[in-house]
Amino acid sequence: MRTATCERNTQETKITVSVNLDGQGIYDVSTGIGFLDHMMEQLSRHSLIDIKIRATGDTHIDFHHTVEDVGIILGQAMKQAMGDLRGITRYGNAIIPMDETCSRVSVDISGRPFLVWRVDFSRDKLGEMDTELFQEWFRAFAFGAGITLHVENMYGVNNHHIIESSYKALARAMRQALEIDPRKADAIPSTKGVLGDKSDLI
């Protein structure tokens, strides 16, 4: 089983994350930020990755540190659980509709962290969460996990639908990319024969 538990303890946040990449989409999430909890639950459910998160942070200041650090440590836990990446499909793509909205996410589990973010909001907040923090979460997750991540809302009006469809698309793209390819289950999906540090990559 591809599992990992990671912690991050700073003067701003204290976070513990456990993941099972070969799970059933079971989640147990508490970050102190309701909307972030909702998105982490969607990510777990639709990726079939079991996710447990316990986070406390300086939310009396704002949500920035907690949101960013949850992204970092969740990404790091997934990276640790992936191991040497042997046998993975590596690439994943998903287009997810939600009522009037449609979002697309593409993933390369490569060790080359990068985020392309093409998502705009017409409101500053969803619930108590600043909408600008969603980009911070996706960037932190991409760099924590060591993945190339492209997120695009192709169209939509409702801000809740825009971000929820983005997380669901991430979930489905990660599920696809993490699947073991039965034709190459013993191989690293790279012509170099290794994935990991950026210096080692194609």
N, C-alpha and C. Protein backbone atom coordinates (compact mmCIF):
# COMPACT_ATOMS: atom_id res chain seq x y z
N MET A 1 0.84 -1.21 0.00
CA MET A 1 0.00 0.00 0.00
C MET A 1 0.87 1.25 0.00
N ARG A 2 0.48 2.23 -0.79
CA ARG A 2 1.23 3.48 -0.85
C ARG A 2 0.64 4.46 0.17
N THR A 3 1.27 4.51 1.33
CA THR A 3 0.77 5.33 2.43
C THR A 3 1.89 6.20 2.98
N ALA A 4 1.50 7.29 3.65
CA ALA A 4 2.48 8.15 4.31
C ALA A 4 1.77 9.04 5.32
N THR A 5 2.52 9.45 6.33
CA THR A 5 2.07 10.44 7.30
C THR A 5 3.16 11.50 7.44
N CYS A 6 2.76 12.76 7.35
CA CYS A 6 3.71 13.87 7.45
C CYS A 6 3.17 14.91 8.43
N GLU A 7 4.10 15.62 9.06
CA GLU A 7 3.75 16.69 9.99
C GLU A 7 4.46 17.97 9.59
N ARG A 8 3.83 19.08 9.94
CA ARG A 8 4.45 20.40 9.77
C ARG A 8 4.08 21.22 10.99
N ASN A 9 5.08 21.60 11.76
CA ASN A 9 4.86 22.39 12.97
C ASN A 9 5.70 23.65 12.89
N THR A 10 5.02 24.79 12.85
CA THR A 10 5.69 26.09 12.83
C THR A 10 5.02 26.99 13.88
N GLN A 11 5.48 28.20 13.96
CA GLN A 11 4.85 29.16 14.87
C GLN A 11 3.49 29.61 14.36
N GLU A 12 3.19 29.26 13.10
CA GLU A 12 1.92 29.67 12.49
C GLU A 12 0.89 28.54 12.41
N THR A 13 1.37 27.31 12.19
CA THR A 13 0.46 26.18 12.03
C THR A 13 1.04 24.91 12.63
N LYS A 14 0.13 24.00 12.98
CA LYS A 14 0.51 22.65 13.38
C LYS A 14 -0.41 21.70 12.61
N ILE A 15 0.19 20.87 11.76
CA ILE A 15 -0.59 20.06 10.83
C ILE A 15 -0.04 18.65 10.76
N THR A 16 -0.95 17.68 10.78
CA THR A 16 -0.61 16.28 10.53
C THR A 16 -1.51 15.76 9.41
N VAL A 17 -0.90 15.11 8.44
CA VAL A 17 -1.64 14.59 7.29
C VAL A 17 -1.25 13.12 7.07
N SER A 18 -2.24 12.27 6.88
CA SER A 18 -2.02 10.88 6.49
C SER A 18 -2.77 10.61 5.19
N VAL A 19 -2.13 9.86 4.28
CA VAL A 19 -2.77 9.53 3.01
C VAL A 19 -2.56 8.06 2.68
N ASN A 20 -3.51 7.50 1.97
CA ASN A 20 -3.42 6.17 1.38
C ASN A 20 -3.82 6.31 -0.08
N LEU A 21 -2.84 6.25 -0.96
CA LEU A 21 -3.11 6.47 -2.38
C LEU A 21 -3.96 5.36 -2.98
N ASP A 22 -3.99 4.21 -2.35
CA ASP A 22 -4.75 3.07 -2.85
C ASP A 22 -5.99 2.84 -1.99
N GLY A 23 -6.60 3.93 -1.56
CA GLY A 23 -7.72 3.85 -0.64
C GLY A 23 -9.06 3.77 -1.33
N GLN A 24 -10.07 4.23 -0.60
CA GLN A 24 -11.45 4.19 -1.09
C GLN A 24 -12.11 5.56 -1.06
N GLY A 25 -11.31 6.61 -0.88
CA GLY A 25 -11.89 7.95 -0.80
C GLY A 25 -12.50 8.25 0.55
N ILE A 26 -11.90 7.67 1.61
CA ILE A 26 -12.36 7.91 2.98
C ILE A 26 -11.63 9.13 3.53
N TYR A 27 -12.37 10.06 4.10
CA TYR A 27 -11.76 11.30 4.58
C TYR A 27 -12.14 11.57 6.03
N ASP A 28 -11.22 12.25 6.70
CA ASP A 28 -11.40 12.69 8.08
C ASP A 28 -10.61 13.98 8.20
N VAL A 29 -11.29 15.10 8.01
CA VAL A 29 -10.61 16.38 7.80
C VAL A 29 -11.09 17.42 8.80
N SER A 30 -10.14 18.10 9.43
CA SER A 30 -10.45 19.22 10.30
C SER A 30 -9.32 20.24 10.22
N THR A 31 -9.60 21.35 9.54
CA THR A 31 -8.60 22.41 9.38
C THR A 31 -8.95 23.69 10.11
N GLY A 32 -10.17 23.78 10.62
CA GLY A 32 -10.64 25.02 11.21
C GLY A 32 -11.21 25.99 10.20
N ILE A 33 -11.21 25.58 8.91
CA ILE A 33 -11.75 26.42 7.83
C ILE A 33 -12.77 25.58 7.08
N GLY A 34 -14.03 25.89 7.24
CA GLY A 34 -15.09 25.06 6.72
C GLY A 34 -15.01 24.79 5.24
N PHE A 35 -14.76 25.83 4.45
CA PHE A 35 -14.75 25.62 3.00
C PHE A 35 -13.55 24.78 2.58
N LEU A 36 -12.41 24.97 3.23
CA LEU A 36 -11.24 24.15 2.92
C LEU A 36 -11.51 22.70 3.27
N ASP A 37 -12.15 22.44 4.40
CA ASP A 37 -12.54 21.07 4.75
C ASP A 37 -13.37 20.45 3.63
N HIS A 38 -14.34 21.21 3.14
CA HIS A 38 -15.23 20.73 2.08
C HIS A 38 -14.45 20.35 0.83
N MET A 39 -13.46 21.17 0.45
CA MET A 39 -12.68 20.88 -0.74
C MET A 39 -11.76 19.67 -0.54
N MET A 40 -11.20 19.52 0.67
CA MET A 40 -10.35 18.35 0.94
C MET A 40 -11.18 17.06 0.91
N GLU A 41 -12.42 17.15 1.36
CA GLU A 41 -13.32 16.01 1.30
C GLU A 41 -13.64 15.64 -0.15
N GLN A 42 -13.87 16.66 -0.98
CA GLN A 42 -14.12 16.40 -2.40
C GLN A 42 -12.89 15.77 -3.06
N LEU A 43 -11.71 16.28 -2.73
CA LEU A 43 -10.48 15.75 -3.29
C LEU A 43 -10.31 14.27 -2.94
N SER A 44 -10.57 13.93 -1.69
CA SER A 44 -10.46 12.54 -1.26
C SER A 44 -11.50 11.66 -1.96
N ARG A 45 -12.74 12.09 -1.91
CA ARG A 45 -13.83 11.26 -2.43
C ARG A 45 -13.66 10.93 -3.91
N HIS A 46 -13.25 11.90 -4.70
CA HIS A 46 -13.22 11.71 -6.14
C HIS A 46 -11.88 11.20 -6.66
N SER A 47 -10.85 11.22 -5.83
CA SER A 47 -9.57 10.61 -6.21
C SER A 47 -9.44 9.18 -5.70
N LEU A 48 -10.30 8.82 -4.74
CA LEU A 48 -10.22 7.55 -4.00
C LEU A 48 -8.97 7.47 -3.13
N ILE A 49 -8.36 8.61 -2.84
CA ILE A 49 -7.24 8.68 -1.90
C ILE A 49 -7.82 8.91 -0.51
N ASP A 50 -7.50 8.03 0.44
CA ASP A 50 -7.91 8.25 1.82
C ASP A 50 -7.07 9.39 2.39
N ILE A 51 -7.71 10.37 3.00
CA ILE A 51 -7.02 11.55 3.51
C ILE A 51 -7.49 11.85 4.93
N LYS A 52 -6.54 11.99 5.82
CA LYS A 52 -6.82 12.46 7.18
C LYS A 52 -5.98 13.70 7.43
N ILE A 53 -6.62 14.78 7.85
CA ILE A 53 -5.93 16.04 8.12
C ILE A 53 -6.37 16.58 9.46
N ARG A 54 -5.39 16.93 10.27
CA ARG A 54 -5.63 17.67 11.51
C ARG A 54 -4.77 18.92 11.46
N ALA A 55 -5.41 20.07 11.44
CA ALA A 55 -4.68 21.32 11.31
C ALA A 55 -5.22 22.36 12.27
N THR A 56 -4.32 23.05 12.93
CA THR A 56 -4.65 24.26 13.69
C THR A 56 -3.68 25.35 13.25
N GLY A 57 -4.19 26.57 13.18
CA GLY A 57 -3.33 27.66 12.72
C GLY A 57 -3.80 28.99 13.24
N ASP A 58 -3.09 30.02 12.85
CA ASP A 58 -3.35 31.38 13.33
C ASP A 58 -4.49 32.01 12.52
N THR A 59 -5.64 31.34 12.52
CA THR A 59 -6.78 31.83 11.74
C THR A 59 -7.39 33.09 12.34
N HIS A 60 -6.97 33.46 13.57
CA HIS A 60 -7.42 34.73 14.13
C HIS A 60 -6.79 35.91 13.38
N ILE A 61 -5.68 35.63 12.66
CA ILE A 61 -5.06 36.66 11.81
C ILE A 61 -5.74 36.65 10.45
N ASP A 62 -5.59 35.54 9.75
CA ASP A 62 -6.35 35.25 8.52
C ASP A 62 -6.14 33.78 8.21
N PHE A 63 -6.63 33.32 7.05
CA PHE A 63 -6.56 31.90 6.73
C PHE A 63 -5.34 31.54 5.89
N HIS A 64 -4.53 32.51 5.53
CA HIS A 64 -3.46 32.30 4.56
C HIS A 64 -2.50 31.19 4.98
N HIS A 65 -1.95 31.28 6.17
CA HIS A 65 -0.93 30.31 6.60
C HIS A 65 -1.50 28.90 6.65
N THR A 66 -2.70 28.75 7.17
CA THR A 66 -3.30 27.42 7.28
C THR A 66 -3.58 26.83 5.90
N VAL A 67 -4.16 27.61 5.02
CA VAL A 67 -4.48 27.12 3.67
C VAL A 67 -3.20 26.71 2.94
N GLU A 68 -2.19 27.57 2.95
CA GLU A 68 -0.95 27.28 2.24
C GLU A 68 -0.25 26.06 2.84
N ASP A 69 -0.19 25.99 4.15
CA ASP A 69 0.55 24.90 4.79
C ASP A 69 -0.17 23.56 4.63
N VAL A 70 -1.50 23.57 4.62
CA VAL A 70 -2.23 22.33 4.33
C VAL A 70 -1.89 21.84 2.93
N GLY A 71 -1.81 22.75 1.97
CA GLY A 71 -1.41 22.37 0.61
C GLY A 71 -0.01 21.79 0.57
N ILE A 72 0.92 22.42 1.28
CA ILE A 72 2.30 21.95 1.29
C ILE A 72 2.39 20.54 1.86
N ILE A 73 1.83 20.35 3.05
CA ILE A 73 2.03 19.08 3.74
C ILE A 73 1.22 17.95 3.11
N LEU A 74 0.05 18.26 2.55
CA LEU A 74 -0.69 17.23 1.82
C LEU A 74 0.10 16.80 0.59
N GLY A 75 0.67 17.77 -0.12
CA GLY A 75 1.51 17.44 -1.27
C GLY A 75 2.71 16.59 -0.87
N GLN A 76 3.37 16.95 0.23
CA GLN A 76 4.53 16.20 0.68
C GLN A 76 4.16 14.78 1.08
N ALA A 77 3.01 14.62 1.73
CA ALA A 77 2.57 13.28 2.11
C ALA A 77 2.32 12.43 0.87
N MET A 78 1.68 13.02 -0.13
CA MET A 78 1.44 12.26 -1.36
C MET A 78 2.75 11.91 -2.05
N LYS A 79 3.70 12.84 -2.07
CA LYS A 79 4.99 12.57 -2.69
C LYS A 79 5.69 11.42 -1.99
N GLN A 80 5.66 11.43 -0.66
CA GLN A 80 6.29 10.35 0.10
C GLN A 80 5.60 9.02 -0.18
N ALA A 81 4.27 9.05 -0.25
CA ALA A 81 3.52 7.81 -0.50
C ALA A 81 3.78 7.26 -1.90
N MET A 82 4.08 8.13 -2.85
CA MET A 82 4.33 7.69 -4.22
C MET A 82 5.60 6.86 -4.35
N GLY A 83 6.55 7.03 -3.44
CA GLY A 83 7.79 6.28 -3.50
C GLY A 83 8.62 6.65 -4.71
N ASP A 84 9.15 5.63 -5.40
CA ASP A 84 10.01 5.91 -6.57
C ASP A 84 9.22 6.09 -7.85
N LEU A 85 7.89 6.09 -7.75
CA LEU A 85 6.99 6.33 -8.88
C LEU A 85 6.97 5.19 -9.89
N ARG A 86 7.48 4.06 -9.51
CA ARG A 86 7.54 2.92 -10.41
C ARG A 86 6.12 2.45 -10.78
N GLY A 87 5.88 2.34 -12.08
CA GLY A 87 4.64 1.78 -12.57
C GLY A 87 3.48 2.74 -12.73
N ILE A 88 3.64 3.98 -12.27
CA ILE A 88 2.50 4.90 -12.35
C ILE A 88 2.24 5.31 -13.80
N THR A 89 1.01 5.69 -14.06
CA THR A 89 0.64 6.20 -15.38
C THR A 89 1.32 7.53 -15.66
N ARG A 90 1.54 8.31 -14.63
CA ARG A 90 2.26 9.59 -14.60
C ARG A 90 1.41 10.77 -15.03
N TYR A 91 0.70 10.68 -16.13
CA TYR A 91 -0.11 11.80 -16.62
C TYR A 91 -1.58 11.58 -16.31
N GLY A 92 -2.29 12.67 -16.00
CA GLY A 92 -3.71 12.60 -15.78
C GLY A 92 -4.40 13.86 -16.25
N ASN A 93 -5.57 13.70 -16.79
CA ASN A 93 -6.36 14.84 -17.28
C ASN A 93 -7.82 14.61 -16.93
N ALA A 94 -8.50 15.69 -16.56
CA ALA A 94 -9.92 15.57 -16.26
C ALA A 94 -10.63 16.87 -16.62
N ILE A 95 -11.81 16.73 -17.18
CA ILE A 95 -12.72 17.84 -17.42
C ILE A 95 -13.99 17.56 -16.63
N ILE A 96 -14.31 18.47 -15.71
CA ILE A 96 -15.43 18.23 -14.81
C ILE A 96 -16.47 19.36 -14.95
N PRO A 97 -17.70 19.01 -15.33
CA PRO A 97 -18.78 19.99 -15.35
C PRO A 97 -19.48 20.05 -13.99
N MET A 98 -20.00 21.20 -13.67
CA MET A 98 -20.84 21.37 -12.49
C MET A 98 -21.87 22.45 -12.81
N ASP A 99 -23.05 22.02 -13.16
CA ASP A 99 -24.10 22.93 -13.61
C ASP A 99 -23.57 23.79 -14.76
N GLU A 100 -23.53 25.11 -14.61
CA GLU A 100 -23.14 26.01 -15.70
C GLU A 100 -21.63 26.11 -15.90
N THR A 101 -20.88 25.43 -15.04
CA THR A 101 -19.42 25.58 -14.98
C THR A 101 -18.73 24.35 -15.53
N CYS A 102 -17.54 24.55 -16.12
CA CYS A 102 -16.73 23.43 -16.56
C CYS A 102 -15.25 23.78 -16.34
N SER A 103 -14.53 22.88 -15.68
CA SER A 103 -13.12 23.11 -15.36
C SER A 103 -12.28 21.94 -15.82
N ARG A 104 -11.00 22.26 -16.13
CA ARG A 104 -10.08 21.26 -16.65
C ARG A 104 -8.78 21.29 -15.84
N VAL A 105 -8.29 20.10 -15.50
CA VAL A 105 -7.02 19.98 -14.79
C VAL A 105 -6.16 18.94 -15.49
N SER A 106 -4.89 19.26 -15.68
CA SER A 106 -3.91 18.33 -16.23
C SER A 106 -2.76 18.20 -15.24
N VAL A 107 -2.28 16.97 -15.05
CA VAL A 107 -1.25 16.66 -14.06
C VAL A 107 -0.13 15.86 -14.72
N ASP A 108 1.10 16.20 -14.37
CA ASP A 108 2.26 15.37 -14.69
C ASP A 108 3.00 15.11 -13.38
N ILE A 109 3.01 13.86 -12.93
CA ILE A 109 3.74 13.51 -11.71
C ILE A 109 5.18 13.25 -12.12
N SER A 110 5.95 14.32 -12.09
CA SER A 110 7.25 14.31 -12.75
C SER A 110 8.41 14.70 -11.84
N GLY A 111 8.13 15.30 -10.70
CA GLY A 111 9.19 15.91 -9.90
C GLY A 111 9.53 17.32 -10.34
N ARG A 112 8.81 17.81 -11.34
CA ARG A 112 9.03 19.18 -11.84
C ARG A 112 7.86 20.06 -11.38
N PRO A 113 7.97 20.66 -10.20
CA PRO A 113 6.83 21.42 -9.67
C PRO A 113 6.57 22.70 -10.46
N PHE A 114 5.32 22.85 -10.86
CA PHE A 114 4.92 24.05 -11.61
C PHE A 114 3.40 24.16 -11.53
N LEU A 115 2.92 25.39 -11.49
CA LEU A 115 1.48 25.63 -11.52
C LEU A 115 1.14 26.63 -12.60
N VAL A 116 0.20 26.26 -13.46
CA VAL A 116 -0.47 27.20 -14.36
C VAL A 116 -1.89 27.35 -13.85
N TRP A 117 -2.29 28.58 -13.55
CA TRP A 117 -3.58 28.86 -12.90
C TRP A 117 -4.37 29.81 -13.76
N ARG A 118 -5.45 29.33 -14.33
CA ARG A 118 -6.32 30.16 -15.15
C ARG A 118 -7.74 30.06 -14.60
N VAL A 119 -7.91 30.61 -13.42
CA VAL A 119 -9.19 30.60 -12.72
C VAL A 119 -9.44 31.99 -12.17
N ASP A 120 -10.58 32.55 -12.49
CA ASP A 120 -10.95 33.87 -12.00
C ASP A 120 -12.25 33.78 -11.22
N PHE A 121 -12.37 34.65 -10.24
CA PHE A 121 -13.56 34.71 -9.40
C PHE A 121 -14.18 36.10 -9.47
N SER A 122 -15.48 36.17 -9.31
CA SER A 122 -16.17 37.46 -9.29
C SER A 122 -16.46 37.93 -7.87
N ARG A 123 -16.09 37.11 -6.89
CA ARG A 123 -16.27 37.47 -5.49
C ARG A 123 -14.96 37.33 -4.75
N ASP A 124 -14.80 38.13 -3.68
CA ASP A 124 -13.57 38.07 -2.89
C ASP A 124 -13.56 36.94 -1.89
N LYS A 125 -14.75 36.44 -1.53
CA LYS A 125 -14.84 35.41 -0.51
C LYS A 125 -15.86 34.35 -0.88
N LEU A 126 -15.60 33.12 -0.41
CA LEU A 126 -16.59 32.05 -0.40
C LEU A 126 -16.72 31.63 1.05
N GLY A 127 -17.87 31.87 1.63
CA GLY A 127 -17.97 31.73 3.08
C GLY A 127 -17.05 32.75 3.71
N GLU A 128 -16.18 32.28 4.59
CA GLU A 128 -15.21 33.17 5.22
C GLU A 128 -13.84 33.10 4.56
N MET A 129 -13.73 32.33 3.48
CA MET A 129 -12.43 32.10 2.85
C MET A 129 -12.21 33.03 1.67
N ASP A 130 -11.06 33.70 1.65
CA ASP A 130 -10.70 34.57 0.53
C ASP A 130 -10.47 33.72 -0.72
N THR A 131 -11.09 34.09 -1.82
CA THR A 131 -10.94 33.30 -3.03
C THR A 131 -9.51 33.31 -3.57
N GLU A 132 -8.73 34.35 -3.28
CA GLU A 132 -7.34 34.39 -3.74
C GLU A 132 -6.51 33.27 -3.12
N LEU A 133 -6.97 32.71 -2.00
CA LEU A 133 -6.21 31.67 -1.33
C LEU A 133 -6.27 30.32 -2.05
N PHE A 134 -7.22 30.14 -2.94
CA PHE A 134 -7.28 28.88 -3.68
C PHE A 134 -6.05 28.71 -4.57
N GLN A 135 -5.62 29.77 -5.21
CA GLN A 135 -4.39 29.69 -6.01
C GLN A 135 -3.21 29.36 -5.12
N GLU A 136 -3.16 29.93 -3.92
CA GLU A 136 -2.07 29.63 -2.99
C GLU A 136 -2.08 28.15 -2.61
N TRP A 137 -3.26 27.58 -2.40
CA TRP A 137 -3.33 26.16 -2.05
C TRP A 137 -2.84 25.29 -3.20
N PHE A 138 -3.32 25.56 -4.40
CA PHE A 138 -2.91 24.74 -5.54
C PHE A 138 -1.41 24.86 -5.80
N ARG A 139 -0.83 26.04 -5.64
CA ARG A 139 0.61 26.19 -5.82
C ARG A 139 1.37 25.41 -4.76
N ALA A 140 0.93 25.55 -3.51
CA ALA A 140 1.59 24.84 -2.42
C ALA A 140 1.51 23.33 -2.62
N PHE A 141 0.36 22.85 -3.04
CA PHE A 141 0.18 21.41 -3.28
C PHE A 141 1.09 20.93 -4.40
N ALA A 142 1.14 21.66 -5.51
CA ALA A 142 1.97 21.27 -6.65
C ALA A 142 3.43 21.19 -6.26
N PHE A 143 3.91 22.18 -5.52
CA PHE A 143 5.32 22.19 -5.15
C PHE A 143 5.62 21.18 -4.05
N GLY A 144 4.67 20.97 -3.13
CA GLY A 144 4.86 19.95 -2.11
C GLY A 144 4.92 18.56 -2.71
N ALA A 145 4.06 18.30 -3.69
CA ALA A 145 3.99 16.98 -4.31
C ALA A 145 5.02 16.78 -5.41
N GLY A 146 5.61 17.88 -5.89
CA GLY A 146 6.56 17.79 -6.99
C GLY A 146 5.90 17.44 -8.30
N ILE A 147 4.79 18.09 -8.60
CA ILE A 147 4.06 17.80 -9.82
C ILE A 147 3.88 19.06 -10.66
N THR A 148 3.73 18.85 -11.95
CA THR A 148 3.30 19.92 -12.84
C THR A 148 1.78 19.90 -12.87
N LEU A 149 1.18 21.06 -12.64
CA LEU A 149 -0.27 21.14 -12.46
C LEU A 149 -0.84 22.32 -13.23
N HIS A 150 -1.74 22.04 -14.15
CA HIS A 150 -2.43 23.08 -14.92
C HIS A 150 -3.91 23.06 -14.54
N VAL A 151 -4.42 24.21 -14.11
CA VAL A 151 -5.81 24.32 -13.67
C VAL A 151 -6.48 25.43 -14.47
N GLU A 152 -7.58 25.11 -15.12
CA GLU A 152 -8.27 26.09 -15.95
C GLU A 152 -9.78 25.96 -15.79
N ASN A 153 -10.40 27.06 -15.42
CA ASN A 153 -11.86 27.13 -15.49
C ASN A 153 -12.22 27.62 -16.89
N MET A 154 -12.83 26.77 -17.68
CA MET A 154 -13.12 27.11 -19.07
C MET A 154 -14.28 28.08 -19.17
N TYR A 155 -15.28 27.90 -18.30
CA TYR A 155 -16.39 28.84 -18.21
C TYR A 155 -17.18 28.55 -16.96
N GLY A 156 -17.94 29.55 -16.53
CA GLY A 156 -18.75 29.39 -15.34
C GLY A 156 -19.12 30.73 -14.74
N VAL A 157 -20.13 30.74 -13.91
CA VAL A 157 -20.64 31.95 -13.29
C VAL A 157 -20.58 31.85 -11.77
N ASN A 158 -21.04 30.73 -11.23
CA ASN A 158 -21.13 30.56 -9.79
C ASN A 158 -19.74 30.24 -9.22
N ASN A 159 -19.27 31.07 -8.29
CA ASN A 159 -17.91 30.92 -7.76
C ASN A 159 -17.71 29.61 -7.01
N HIS A 160 -18.74 29.17 -6.29
CA HIS A 160 -18.66 27.89 -5.60
C HIS A 160 -18.47 26.76 -6.61
N HIS A 161 -19.22 26.79 -7.69
CA HIS A 161 -19.11 25.76 -8.71
C HIS A 161 -17.73 25.80 -9.38
N ILE A 162 -17.21 27.00 -9.59
CA ILE A 162 -15.91 27.14 -10.26
C ILE A 162 -14.81 26.45 -9.46
N ILE A 163 -14.74 26.71 -8.16
CA ILE A 163 -13.64 26.11 -7.39
C ILE A 163 -13.92 24.65 -7.09
N GLU A 164 -15.17 24.29 -6.84
CA GLU A 164 -15.45 22.88 -6.55
C GLU A 164 -15.18 22.01 -7.76
N SER A 165 -15.53 22.48 -8.95
CA SER A 165 -15.24 21.69 -10.15
C SER A 165 -13.73 21.59 -10.38
N SER A 166 -12.97 22.60 -9.95
CA SER A 166 -11.51 22.56 -10.08
C SER A 166 -10.92 21.50 -9.17
N TYR A 167 -11.40 21.42 -7.93
CA TYR A 167 -10.90 20.40 -7.01
C TYR A 167 -11.31 18.99 -7.46
N LYS A 168 -12.52 18.86 -7.96
CA LYS A 168 -12.96 17.55 -8.45
C LYS A 168 -12.15 17.13 -9.66
N ALA A 169 -11.83 18.08 -10.52
CA ALA A 169 -10.99 17.77 -11.68
C ALA A 169 -9.58 17.38 -11.24
N LEU A 170 -9.05 18.06 -10.23
CA LEU A 170 -7.75 17.67 -9.67
C LEU A 170 -7.81 16.24 -9.15
N ALA A 171 -8.87 15.93 -8.44
CA ALA A 171 -9.02 14.60 -7.87
C ALA A 171 -9.00 13.53 -8.96
N ARG A 172 -9.77 13.74 -10.00
CA ARG A 172 -9.85 12.73 -11.07
C ARG A 172 -8.55 12.63 -11.86
N ALA A 173 -7.89 13.77 -12.06
CA ALA A 173 -6.61 13.75 -12.76
C ALA A 173 -5.54 13.03 -11.94
N MET A 174 -5.51 13.27 -10.62
CA MET A 174 -4.56 12.58 -9.76
C MET A 174 -4.85 11.08 -9.72
N ARG A 175 -6.11 10.74 -9.65
CA ARG A 175 -6.50 9.31 -9.65
C ARG A 175 -5.97 8.62 -10.90
N GLN A 176 -6.12 9.27 -12.04
CA GLN A 176 -5.65 8.69 -13.29
C GLN A 176 -4.13 8.60 -13.32
N ALA A 177 -3.45 9.66 -12.91
CA ALA A 177 -1.99 9.70 -12.98
C ALA A 177 -1.33 8.72 -12.02
N LEU A 178 -1.97 8.45 -10.88
CA LEU A 178 -1.40 7.56 -9.87
C LEU A 178 -1.69 6.09 -10.12
N GLU A 179 -2.59 5.80 -11.06
CA GLU A 179 -2.92 4.41 -11.36
C GLU A 179 -1.67 3.67 -11.84
N ILE A 180 -1.53 2.42 -11.41
CA ILE A 180 -0.44 1.59 -11.89
C ILE A 180 -0.79 1.05 -13.27
N ASP A 181 0.11 1.27 -14.22
CA ASP A 181 -0.08 0.79 -15.60
C ASP A 181 0.29 -0.69 -15.65
N PRO A 182 -0.67 -1.57 -15.88
CA PRO A 182 -0.37 -3.01 -15.82
C PRO A 182 0.64 -3.45 -16.87
N ARG A 183 0.81 -2.68 -17.94
CA ARG A 183 1.78 -3.06 -18.97
C ARG A 183 3.20 -2.65 -18.61
N LYS A 184 3.33 -1.72 -17.63
CA LYS A 184 4.66 -1.24 -17.23
C LYS A 184 4.73 -1.09 -15.72
N ALA A 185 4.21 -2.06 -15.00
CA ALA A 185 4.11 -1.95 -13.55
C ALA A 185 5.46 -1.93 -12.85
N ASP A 186 6.52 -2.39 -13.54
CA ASP A 186 7.84 -2.44 -12.93
C ASP A 186 8.78 -1.35 -13.45
N ALA A 187 8.24 -0.41 -14.24
CA ALA A 187 9.10 0.57 -14.91
C ALA A 187 8.82 1.98 -14.44
N ILE A 188 9.86 2.81 -14.46
CA ILE A 188 9.72 4.25 -14.21
C ILE A 188 9.26 4.90 -15.52
N PRO A 189 8.18 5.68 -15.51
CA PRO A 189 7.66 6.25 -16.76
C PRO A 189 8.46 7.48 -17.23
N SER A 190 9.71 7.24 -17.58
CA SER A 190 10.59 8.30 -18.08
C SER A 190 11.67 7.66 -18.93
N THR A 191 12.07 8.31 -20.02
CA THR A 191 13.15 7.78 -20.85
C THR A 191 14.48 7.79 -20.12
N LYS A 192 14.60 8.60 -19.06
CA LYS A 192 15.82 8.60 -18.26
C LYS A 192 15.85 7.45 -17.25
N GLY A 193 14.68 6.85 -17.03
CA GLY A 193 14.62 5.76 -16.08
C GLY A 193 14.55 6.20 -14.63
N VAL A 194 14.31 7.48 -14.41
CA VAL A 194 14.22 7.99 -13.05
C VAL A 194 13.31 9.22 -13.03
N LEU A 195 12.54 9.34 -11.98
CA LEU A 195 11.77 10.54 -11.71
C LEU A 195 12.07 10.95 -10.28
N GLY A 196 12.18 12.24 -10.04
CA GLY A 196 12.49 12.68 -8.68
C GLY A 196 12.93 14.10 -8.67
N ASP A 197 14.19 14.34 -8.28
CA ASP A 197 14.71 15.70 -8.27
C ASP A 197 14.72 16.26 -9.67
N LYS A 198 14.50 17.58 -9.75
CA LYS A 198 14.38 18.21 -11.07
C LYS A 198 15.60 17.97 -11.93
N SER A 199 16.79 17.88 -11.34
CA SER A 199 18.01 17.68 -12.11
C SER A 199 18.05 16.33 -12.81
N ASP A 200 17.20 15.39 -12.36
CA ASP A 200 17.21 14.04 -12.91
C ASP A 200 16.21 13.86 -14.03
N LEU A 201 15.45 14.89 -14.36
CA LEU A 201 14.26 14.67 -15.17
C LEU A 201 14.45 15.03 -16.61
N ILE A 202 13.59 14.42 -17.45
CA ILE A 202 13.50 14.83 -18.85
C ILE A 202 12.82 16.18 -18.92
